[in-house]
């Protein structure tokens, strides 16, 4: 988790430092032992502990604050300061660093840089899923509106067939405009009475079904340029009235 995971890890490190202090003969001995982590096996002996503690003030900068907030270890200068004096005041971190760090997943010992890569990966995967889904949602909304808008045409076609048992030669015979209000074009197949709606997003096809009594219902499906996932619920396994 951002912030919390790293904070918990840093707290564990500070606890380990306190245990190390309890096992040392003096606070300075514990501080030099910690300093060996950064100064190395040879140079820690000549370390100026006082000057090293003074470097803690540099940790209040934005990037140093951000690095610490996303890392599992406190800055070593702070760790040394705490074993020298448990009540030593620590420099405050940059507030703006908290804002950025709150979006970076905790990556353990891999550090904040890897956490940033994880964030980029999460955003990328989310976008790869969300963008097509949103595009399909927009198409479904458009198709649903055209299903409603074309309902009078389907009702007129069904009524004509039920009364005459014939398929009209064209929509114009019934006084139906081939263009809906949003510009979608409707075309009728005079052989099987299939009604096709052609829109910028693709084709929506209405196939008539007549029962034994001659009553007509409509089944809608996707046509050229339209994916099945872009169909609204009325076109998924049920009739579109």
C-alpha atoms as a PDB file:
ATOM      1  CA  UNK A   1       0.000   0.000   0.000  1.00  0.00           C
ATOM      2  CA  UNK A   2       1.242   3.514  -0.724  1.00  0.00           C
ATOM      3  CA  UNK A   3       2.700   5.306   2.335  1.00  0.00           C
ATOM      4  CA  UNK A   4       1.436   2.738   4.878  1.00  0.00           C
ATOM      5  CA  UNK A   5       3.485  -0.220   3.649  1.00  0.00           C
ATOM      6  CA  UNK A   6       6.684   1.826   3.572  1.00  0.00           C
ATOM      7  CA  UNK A   7       5.946   3.436   6.959  1.00  0.00           C
ATOM      8  CA  UNK A   8       5.467   0.027   8.547  1.00  0.00           C
ATOM      9  CA  UNK A   9       8.758  -1.217   7.097  1.00  0.00           C
ATOM     10  CA  UNK A  10      10.633   1.868   8.341  1.00  0.00           C
ATOM     11  CA  UNK A  11       9.125   1.389  11.795  1.00  0.00           C
ATOM     12  CA  UNK A  12      10.447  -2.170  11.862  1.00  0.00           C
ATOM     13  CA  UNK A  13      13.927  -0.943  10.933  1.00  0.00           C
ATOM     14  CA  UNK A  14      13.830   1.642  13.721  1.00  0.00           C
ATOM     15  CA  UNK A  15      12.803  -1.092  16.158  1.00  0.00           C
ATOM     16  CA  UNK A  16      15.762  -3.196  15.042  1.00  0.00           C
ATOM     17  CA  UNK A  17      18.035  -0.195  15.621  1.00  0.00           C
ATOM     18  CA  UNK A  18      16.752   0.081  19.193  1.00  0.00           C
ATOM     19  CA  UNK A  19      17.507  -3.597  19.766  1.00  0.00           C
ATOM     20  CA  UNK A  20      20.995  -3.037  18.372  1.00  0.00           C
ATOM     21  CA  UNK A  21      21.450  -0.104  20.723  1.00  0.00           C
ATOM     22  CA  UNK A  22      20.463  -2.285  23.667  1.00  0.00           C
ATOM     23  CA  UNK A  23      23.186  -4.762  22.676  1.00  0.00           C
ATOM     24  CA  UNK A  24      25.877  -2.081  22.254  1.00  0.00           C
ATOM     25  CA  UNK A  25      28.228  -0.789  24.925  1.00  0.00           C
ATOM     26  CA  UNK A  26      27.431   2.843  24.030  1.00  0.00           C
ATOM     27  CA  UNK A  27      25.167   4.955  21.778  1.00  0.00           C
ATOM     28  CA  UNK A  28      28.214   6.008  19.747  1.00  0.00           C
ATOM     29  CA  UNK A  29      29.164   2.376  19.202  1.00  0.00           C
ATOM     30  CA  UNK A  30      25.641   1.688  17.910  1.00  0.00           C
ATOM     31  CA  UNK A  31      25.840   4.791  15.700  1.00  0.00           C
ATOM     32  CA  UNK A  32      29.169   3.717  14.210  1.00  0.00           C
ATOM     33  CA  UNK A  33      27.791   0.244  13.576  1.00  0.00           C
ATOM     34  CA  UNK A  34      24.958   1.781  11.597  1.00  0.00           C
ATOM     35  CA  UNK A  35      27.332   4.125   9.799  1.00  0.00           C
ATOM     36  CA  UNK A  36      29.296   1.121   8.600  1.00  0.00           C
ATOM     37  CA  UNK A  37      26.282   0.320   6.408  1.00  0.00           C
ATOM     38  CA  UNK A  38      26.972   3.411   4.325  1.00  0.00           C
ATOM     39  CA  UNK A  39      30.634   4.275   4.964  1.00  0.00           C
ATOM     40  CA  UNK A  40      31.925   0.750   4.451  1.00  0.00           C
ATOM     41  CA  UNK A  41      34.061  -1.640   6.432  1.00  0.00           C
ATOM     42  CA  UNK A  42      37.084   0.705   6.600  1.00  0.00           C
ATOM     43  CA  UNK A  43      35.954   4.346   6.567  1.00  0.00           C
ATOM     44  CA  UNK A  44      33.403   4.034   9.382  1.00  0.00           C
ATOM     45  CA  UNK A  45      36.276   4.137  11.887  1.00  0.00           C
ATOM     46  CA  UNK A  46      37.168   7.697  10.825  1.00  0.00           C
ATOM     47  CA  UNK A  47      33.566   8.889  10.572  1.00  0.00           C
ATOM     48  CA  UNK A  48      32.828  12.285  12.128  1.00  0.00           C
ATOM     49  CA  UNK A  49      29.564  11.336  13.837  1.00  0.00           C
ATOM     50  CA  UNK A  50      28.639  14.936  14.659  1.00  0.00           C
ATOM     51  CA  UNK A  51      29.047  16.090  11.061  1.00  0.00           C
ATOM     52  CA  UNK A  52      27.184  13.027   9.846  1.00  0.00           C
ATOM     53  CA  UNK A  53      24.249  13.798  12.105  1.00  0.00           C
ATOM     54  CA  UNK A  54      24.147  17.296  10.650  1.00  0.00           C
ATOM     55  CA  UNK A  55      23.382  15.835   7.235  1.00  0.00           C
ATOM     56  CA  UNK A  56      19.927  14.859   8.489  1.00  0.00           C
ATOM     57  CA  UNK A  57      18.661  18.368   7.702  1.00  0.00           C
ATOM     58  CA  UNK A  58      19.110  17.605   3.988  1.00  0.00           C
ATOM     59  CA  UNK A  59      16.425  14.922   4.161  1.00  0.00           C
ATOM     60  CA  UNK A  60      13.675  17.535   4.300  1.00  0.00           C
ATOM     61  CA  UNK A  61      13.984  18.302   0.569  1.00  0.00           C
ATOM     62  CA  UNK A  62      11.283  17.178  -1.843  1.00  0.00           C
ATOM     63  CA  UNK A  63      13.097  14.306  -3.550  1.00  0.00           C
ATOM     64  CA  UNK A  64      14.761  13.010  -0.400  1.00  0.00           C
ATOM     65  CA  UNK A  65      11.388  13.133   1.353  1.00  0.00           C
ATOM     66  CA  UNK A  66       9.745  11.346  -1.561  1.00  0.00           C
ATOM     67  CA  UNK A  67      12.442   8.668  -1.623  1.00  0.00           C
ATOM     68  CA  UNK A  68      12.078   7.999   2.085  1.00  0.00           C
ATOM     69  CA  UNK A  69       8.269   7.909   1.938  1.00  0.00           C
ATOM     70  CA  UNK A  70       8.385   5.222  -0.746  1.00  0.00           C
ATOM     71  CA  UNK A  71      11.293   3.253   0.735  1.00  0.00           C
ATOM     72  CA  UNK A  72      11.379   0.606   3.433  1.00  0.00           C
ATOM     73  CA  UNK A  73      14.342   2.181   5.253  1.00  0.00           C
ATOM     74  CA  UNK A  74      14.674   5.569   6.974  1.00  0.00           C
ATOM     75  CA  UNK A  75      17.576   7.721   5.889  1.00  0.00           C
ATOM     76  CA  UNK A  76      20.658   6.416   7.664  1.00  0.00           C
ATOM     77  CA  UNK A  77      21.453   9.812   9.171  1.00  0.00           C
ATOM     78  CA  UNK A  78      18.084   9.690  10.954  1.00  0.00           C
ATOM     79  CA  UNK A  79      18.703   6.177  12.187  1.00  0.00           C
ATOM     80  CA  UNK A  80      22.071   7.230  13.613  1.00  0.00           C
ATOM     81  CA  UNK A  81      20.508  10.302  15.235  1.00  0.00           C
ATOM     82  CA  UNK A  82      17.852   8.171  16.941  1.00  0.00           C
ATOM     83  CA  UNK A  83      20.317   5.733  18.469  1.00  0.00           C
ATOM     84  CA  UNK A  84      22.441   8.621  19.700  1.00  0.00           C
ATOM     85  CA  UNK A  85      19.398  10.281  21.224  1.00  0.00           C
ATOM     86  CA  UNK A  86      15.976   8.646  21.240  1.00  0.00           C
ATOM     87  CA  UNK A  87      14.325  12.075  21.549  1.00  0.00           C
ATOM     88  CA  UNK A  88      16.363  13.733  18.813  1.00  0.00           C
ATOM     89  CA  UNK A  89      14.119  16.026  16.702  1.00  0.00           C
ATOM     90  CA  UNK A  90      13.795  14.888  13.076  1.00  0.00           C
ATOM     91  CA  UNK A  91      13.521  17.371  10.183  1.00  0.00           C
ATOM     92  CA  UNK A  92      10.048  17.535   8.697  1.00  0.00           C
ATOM     93  CA  UNK A  93       9.477  16.040   5.260  1.00  0.00           C
ATOM     94  CA  UNK A  94       8.250  18.040   2.293  1.00  0.00           C
ATOM     95  CA  UNK A  95       4.431  18.126   2.293  1.00  0.00           C
ATOM     96  CA  UNK A  96       4.229  17.980  -1.479  1.00  0.00           C
ATOM     97  CA  UNK A  97       6.272  14.764  -1.387  1.00  0.00           C
ATOM     98  CA  UNK A  98       3.423  13.131   0.559  1.00  0.00           C
ATOM     99  CA  UNK A  99       1.016  13.934  -2.282  1.00  0.00           C
ATOM    100  CA  UNK A 100       3.176  12.261  -4.924  1.00  0.00           C
ATOM    101  CA  UNK A 101       4.156   9.327  -2.714  1.00  0.00           C
ATOM    102  CA  UNK A 102       0.504   8.548  -1.950  1.00  0.00           C
ATOM    103  CA  UNK A 103       0.120   7.347  -5.552  1.00  0.00           C
ATOM    104  CA  UNK A 104       3.211   5.117  -5.585  1.00  0.00           C
ATOM    105  CA  UNK A 105       2.660   1.477  -4.532  1.00  0.00           C
ATOM    106  CA  UNK A 106       5.102   0.183  -1.968  1.00  0.00           C
ATOM    107  CA  UNK A 107       7.623  -2.104  -3.722  1.00  0.00           C
ATOM    108  CA  UNK A 108       9.648  -3.259  -0.719  1.00  0.00           C
ATOM    109  CA  UNK A 109      13.405  -3.312  -1.137  1.00  0.00           C
ATOM    110  CA  UNK A 110      13.054  -2.564  -4.836  1.00  0.00           C
ATOM    111  CA  UNK A 111      12.457   1.063  -3.903  1.00  0.00           C
ATOM    112  CA  UNK A 112      10.288   3.935  -5.056  1.00  0.00           C
ATOM    113  CA  UNK A 113      11.491   3.739  -8.659  1.00  0.00           C
ATOM    114  CA  UNK A 114      10.094   0.234  -9.034  1.00  0.00           C
ATOM    115  CA  UNK A 115       6.939   1.362  -7.245  1.00  0.00           C
ATOM    116  CA  UNK A 116       6.560   4.033  -9.918  1.00  0.00           C
ATOM    117  CA  UNK A 117       6.928   1.365 -12.598  1.00  0.00           C
ATOM    118  CA  UNK A 118       4.202  -0.633 -10.867  1.00  0.00           C
ATOM    119  CA  UNK A 119       1.971   2.445 -10.923  1.00  0.00           C
ATOM    120  CA  UNK A 120       2.640   2.962 -14.644  1.00  0.00           C
ATOM    121  CA  UNK A 121       1.826  -0.698 -15.251  1.00  0.00           C
ATOM    122  CA  UNK A 122      -1.426  -0.466 -13.279  1.00  0.00           C
ATOM    123  CA  UNK A 123      -2.463   2.688 -15.125  1.00  0.00           C
ATOM    124  CA  UNK A 124      -1.569   1.100 -18.468  1.00  0.00           C
ATOM    125  CA  UNK A 125      -3.552  -2.062 -17.792  1.00  0.00           C
ATOM    126  CA  UNK A 126      -6.501  -0.061 -16.491  1.00  0.00           C
ATOM    127  CA  UNK A 127      -6.472   2.153 -19.583  1.00  0.00           C
ATOM    128  CA  UNK A 128      -6.208  -0.880 -21.871  1.00  0.00           C
ATOM    129  CA  UNK A 129      -9.351  -2.282 -20.271  1.00  0.00           C
ATOM    130  CA  UNK A 130     -11.265   0.923 -19.606  1.00  0.00           C
ATOM    131  CA  UNK A 131     -10.833   2.728 -22.935  1.00  0.00           C
ATOM    132  CA  UNK A 132     -12.344  -0.056 -25.115  1.00  0.00           C
ATOM    133  CA  UNK A 133     -15.054  -0.622 -22.504  1.00  0.00           C
ATOM    134  CA  UNK A 134     -15.945   3.074 -22.538  1.00  0.00           C
ATOM    135  CA  UNK A 135     -15.983   3.079 -26.340  1.00  0.00           C
ATOM    136  CA  UNK A 136     -18.335   0.084 -26.329  1.00  0.00           C
ATOM    137  CA  UNK A 137     -20.502   1.837 -23.743  1.00  0.00           C
ATOM    138  CA  UNK A 138     -20.866   4.891 -25.996  1.00  0.00           C
ATOM    139  CA  UNK A 139     -21.829   2.698 -28.952  1.00  0.00           C
ATOM    140  CA  UNK A 140     -24.352   0.763 -26.839  1.00  0.00           C
ATOM    141  CA  UNK A 141     -25.962   4.030 -25.773  1.00  0.00           C
ATOM    142  CA  UNK A 142     -26.243   5.126 -29.407  1.00  0.00           C
ATOM    143  CA  UNK A 143     -27.644   1.758 -30.501  1.00  0.00           C
ATOM    144  CA  UNK A 144     -30.173   1.745 -27.655  1.00  0.00           C
ATOM    145  CA  UNK A 145     -31.399   5.177 -28.723  1.00  0.00           C
ATOM    146  CA  UNK A 146     -31.795   4.001 -32.334  1.00  0.00           C
ATOM    147  CA  UNK A 147     -33.699   0.905 -31.218  1.00  0.00           C
ATOM    148  CA  UNK A 148     -36.246   3.175 -29.598  1.00  0.00           C
ATOM    149  CA  UNK A 149     -36.295   5.622 -32.506  1.00  0.00           C
ATOM    150  CA  UNK A 150     -36.860   2.863 -35.085  1.00  0.00           C
ATOM    151  CA  UNK A 151     -39.650   1.174 -33.134  1.00  0.00           C
ATOM    152  CA  UNK A 152     -42.476   2.933 -35.076  1.00  0.00           C
ATOM    153  CA  UNK A 153     -40.975   1.691 -38.359  1.00  0.00           C
ATOM    154  CA  UNK A 154     -40.837  -1.893 -37.111  1.00  0.00           C
ATOM    155  CA  UNK A 155     -44.383  -1.654 -35.779  1.00  0.00           C
ATOM    156  CA  UNK A 156     -45.610  -0.369 -39.162  1.00  0.00           C
ATOM    157  CA  UNK A 157     -43.822  -3.150 -41.030  1.00  0.00           C
ATOM    158  CA  UNK A 158     -45.164  -5.816 -38.686  1.00  0.00           C
ATOM    159  CA  UNK A 159     -48.699  -4.427 -38.936  1.00  0.00           C
ATOM    160  CA  UNK A 160     -48.551  -4.360 -42.728  1.00  0.00           C
ATOM    161  CA  UNK A 161     -47.358  -7.961 -42.903  1.00  0.00           C
ATOM    162  CA  UNK A 162     -49.871  -9.258 -40.343  1.00  0.00           C
ATOM    163  CA  UNK A 163     -52.770  -7.726 -42.240  1.00  0.00           C
ATOM    164  CA  UNK A 164     -51.697  -8.497 -45.824  1.00  0.00           C
ATOM    165  CA  UNK A 165     -49.208 -11.359 -45.474  1.00  0.00           C
ATOM    166  CA  UNK A 166     -46.981  -9.456 -47.864  1.00  0.00           C
ATOM    167  CA  UNK A 167     -43.711  -7.602 -47.456  1.00  0.00           C
ATOM    168  CA  UNK A 168     -43.826  -3.945 -48.525  1.00  0.00           C
ATOM    169  CA  UNK A 169     -41.580  -3.008 -51.424  1.00  0.00           C
ATOM    170  CA  UNK A 170     -39.981  -0.163 -49.509  1.00  0.00           C
ATOM    171  CA  UNK A 171     -40.294   1.956 -46.395  1.00  0.00           C
ATOM    172  CA  UNK A 172     -41.729   4.740 -48.529  1.00  0.00           C
ATOM    173  CA  UNK A 173     -44.809   2.618 -49.288  1.00  0.00           C
ATOM    174  CA  UNK A 174     -45.726   2.926 -45.624  1.00  0.00           C
ATOM    175  CA  UNK A 175     -44.763   6.574 -45.441  1.00  0.00           C
ATOM    176  CA  UNK A 176     -41.719   5.845 -43.308  1.00  0.00           C
ATOM    177  CA  UNK A 177     -38.704   8.130 -43.642  1.00  0.00           C
ATOM    178  CA  UNK A 178     -35.500   6.150 -44.278  1.00  0.00           C
ATOM    179  CA  UNK A 179     -33.551   8.522 -42.029  1.00  0.00           C
ATOM    180  CA  UNK A 180     -33.885   8.795 -38.268  1.00  0.00           C
ATOM    181  CA  UNK A 181     -33.558  12.092 -36.439  1.00  0.00           C
ATOM    182  CA  UNK A 182     -29.885  11.466 -35.582  1.00  0.00           C
ATOM    183  CA  UNK A 183     -28.964  10.712 -39.206  1.00  0.00           C
ATOM    184  CA  UNK A 184     -29.064   6.911 -38.983  1.00  0.00           C
ATOM    185  CA  UNK A 185     -30.175   5.379 -42.291  1.00  0.00           C
ATOM    186  CA  UNK A 186     -32.753   2.577 -42.451  1.00  0.00           C
ATOM    187  CA  UNK A 187     -32.956   0.160 -45.383  1.00  0.00           C
ATOM    188  CA  UNK A 188     -35.506  -2.585 -46.002  1.00  0.00           C
ATOM    189  CA  UNK A 189     -34.933  -5.901 -47.751  1.00  0.00           C
ATOM    190  CA  UNK A 190     -38.148  -6.441 -49.695  1.00  0.00           C
ATOM    191  CA  UNK A 191     -37.546 -10.220 -49.910  1.00  0.00           C
ATOM    192  CA  UNK A 192     -37.286 -11.084 -46.228  1.00  0.00           C
ATOM    193  CA  UNK A 193     -38.285  -7.798 -44.502  1.00  0.00           C
ATOM    194  CA  UNK A 194     -34.933  -7.504 -42.736  1.00  0.00           C
ATOM    195  CA  UNK A 195     -34.472  -3.930 -41.543  1.00  0.00           C
ATOM    196  CA  UNK A 196     -30.898  -2.596 -41.410  1.00  0.00           C
ATOM    197  CA  UNK A 197     -29.887   0.505 -39.496  1.00  0.00           C
ATOM    198  CA  UNK A 198     -26.632   2.001 -40.741  1.00  0.00           C
ATOM    199  CA  UNK A 199     -24.850   4.363 -38.393  1.00  0.00           C
ATOM    200  CA  UNK A 200     -21.298   5.653 -38.077  1.00  0.00           C
ATOM    201  CA  UNK A 201     -20.590   2.964 -35.468  1.00  0.00           C
ATOM    202  CA  UNK A 202     -21.690   0.092 -37.738  1.00  0.00           C
ATOM    203  CA  UNK A 203     -24.809  -1.779 -38.762  1.00  0.00           C
ATOM    204  CA  UNK A 204     -27.665  -2.926 -36.546  1.00  0.00           C
ATOM    205  CA  UNK A 205     -29.862  -5.582 -38.153  1.00  0.00           C
ATOM    206  CA  UNK A 206     -33.477  -6.398 -37.255  1.00  0.00           C
ATOM    207  CA  UNK A 207     -34.649  -9.840 -38.390  1.00  0.00           C
ATOM    208  CA  UNK A 208     -38.433 -10.505 -38.347  1.00  0.00           C
ATOM    209  CA  UNK A 209     -39.855 -13.687 -36.880  1.00  0.00           C
ATOM    210  CA  UNK A 210     -43.464 -14.719 -37.525  1.00  0.00           C
ATOM    211  CA  UNK A 211     -45.247 -17.249 -35.282  1.00  0.00           C
ATOM    212  CA  UNK A 212     -47.937 -19.724 -36.367  1.00  0.00           C
ATOM    213  CA  UNK A 213     -50.580 -17.039 -36.104  1.00  0.00           C
ATOM    214  CA  UNK A 214     -48.596 -14.684 -38.295  1.00  0.00           C
ATOM    215  CA  UNK A 215     -47.657 -12.286 -35.493  1.00  0.00           C
ATOM    216  CA  UNK A 216     -44.271 -10.638 -36.094  1.00  0.00           C
ATOM    217  CA  UNK A 217     -41.528 -10.085 -33.549  1.00  0.00           C
ATOM    218  CA  UNK A 218     -38.053  -8.728 -34.182  1.00  0.00           C
ATOM    219  CA  UNK A 219     -34.622 -10.011 -33.240  1.00  0.00           C
ATOM    220  CA  UNK A 220     -31.748  -7.552 -33.427  1.00  0.00           C
ATOM    221  CA  UNK A 221     -28.132  -8.460 -34.012  1.00  0.00           C
ATOM    222  CA  UNK A 222     -24.894  -6.788 -34.980  1.00  0.00           C
ATOM    223  CA  UNK A 223     -23.973  -6.280 -38.605  1.00  0.00           C
ATOM    224  CA  UNK A 224     -20.932  -4.994 -40.458  1.00  0.00           C
ATOM    225  CA  UNK A 225     -18.641  -2.817 -38.344  1.00  0.00           C
ATOM    226  CA  UNK A 226     -20.357  -3.499 -35.016  1.00  0.00           C
ATOM    227  CA  UNK A 227     -19.107  -5.884 -32.348  1.00  0.00           C
ATOM    228  CA  UNK A 228     -21.412  -8.141 -30.279  1.00  0.00           C
ATOM    229  CA  UNK A 229     -20.137  -6.432 -27.112  1.00  0.00           C
ATOM    230  CA  UNK A 230     -21.524  -3.138 -28.423  1.00  0.00           C
ATOM    231  CA  UNK A 231     -25.096  -4.423 -28.479  1.00  0.00           C
ATOM    232  CA  UNK A 232     -27.405  -3.273 -25.670  1.00  0.00           C
ATOM    233  CA  UNK A 233     -29.256  -5.832 -23.504  1.00  0.00           C
ATOM    234  CA  UNK A 234     -32.411  -5.917 -25.735  1.00  0.00           C
ATOM    235  CA  UNK A 235     -30.276  -7.462 -28.495  1.00  0.00           C
ATOM    236  CA  UNK A 236     -28.701 -10.147 -26.318  1.00  0.00           C
ATOM    237  CA  UNK A 237     -30.813 -13.272 -26.438  1.00  0.00           C
ATOM    238  CA  UNK A 238     -34.169 -11.500 -26.451  1.00  0.00           C
ATOM    239  CA  UNK A 239     -36.515  -9.899 -28.933  1.00  0.00           C
ATOM    240  CA  UNK A 240     -36.384  -6.194 -29.716  1.00  0.00           C
ATOM    241  CA  UNK A 241     -39.980  -4.997 -29.918  1.00  0.00           C
END
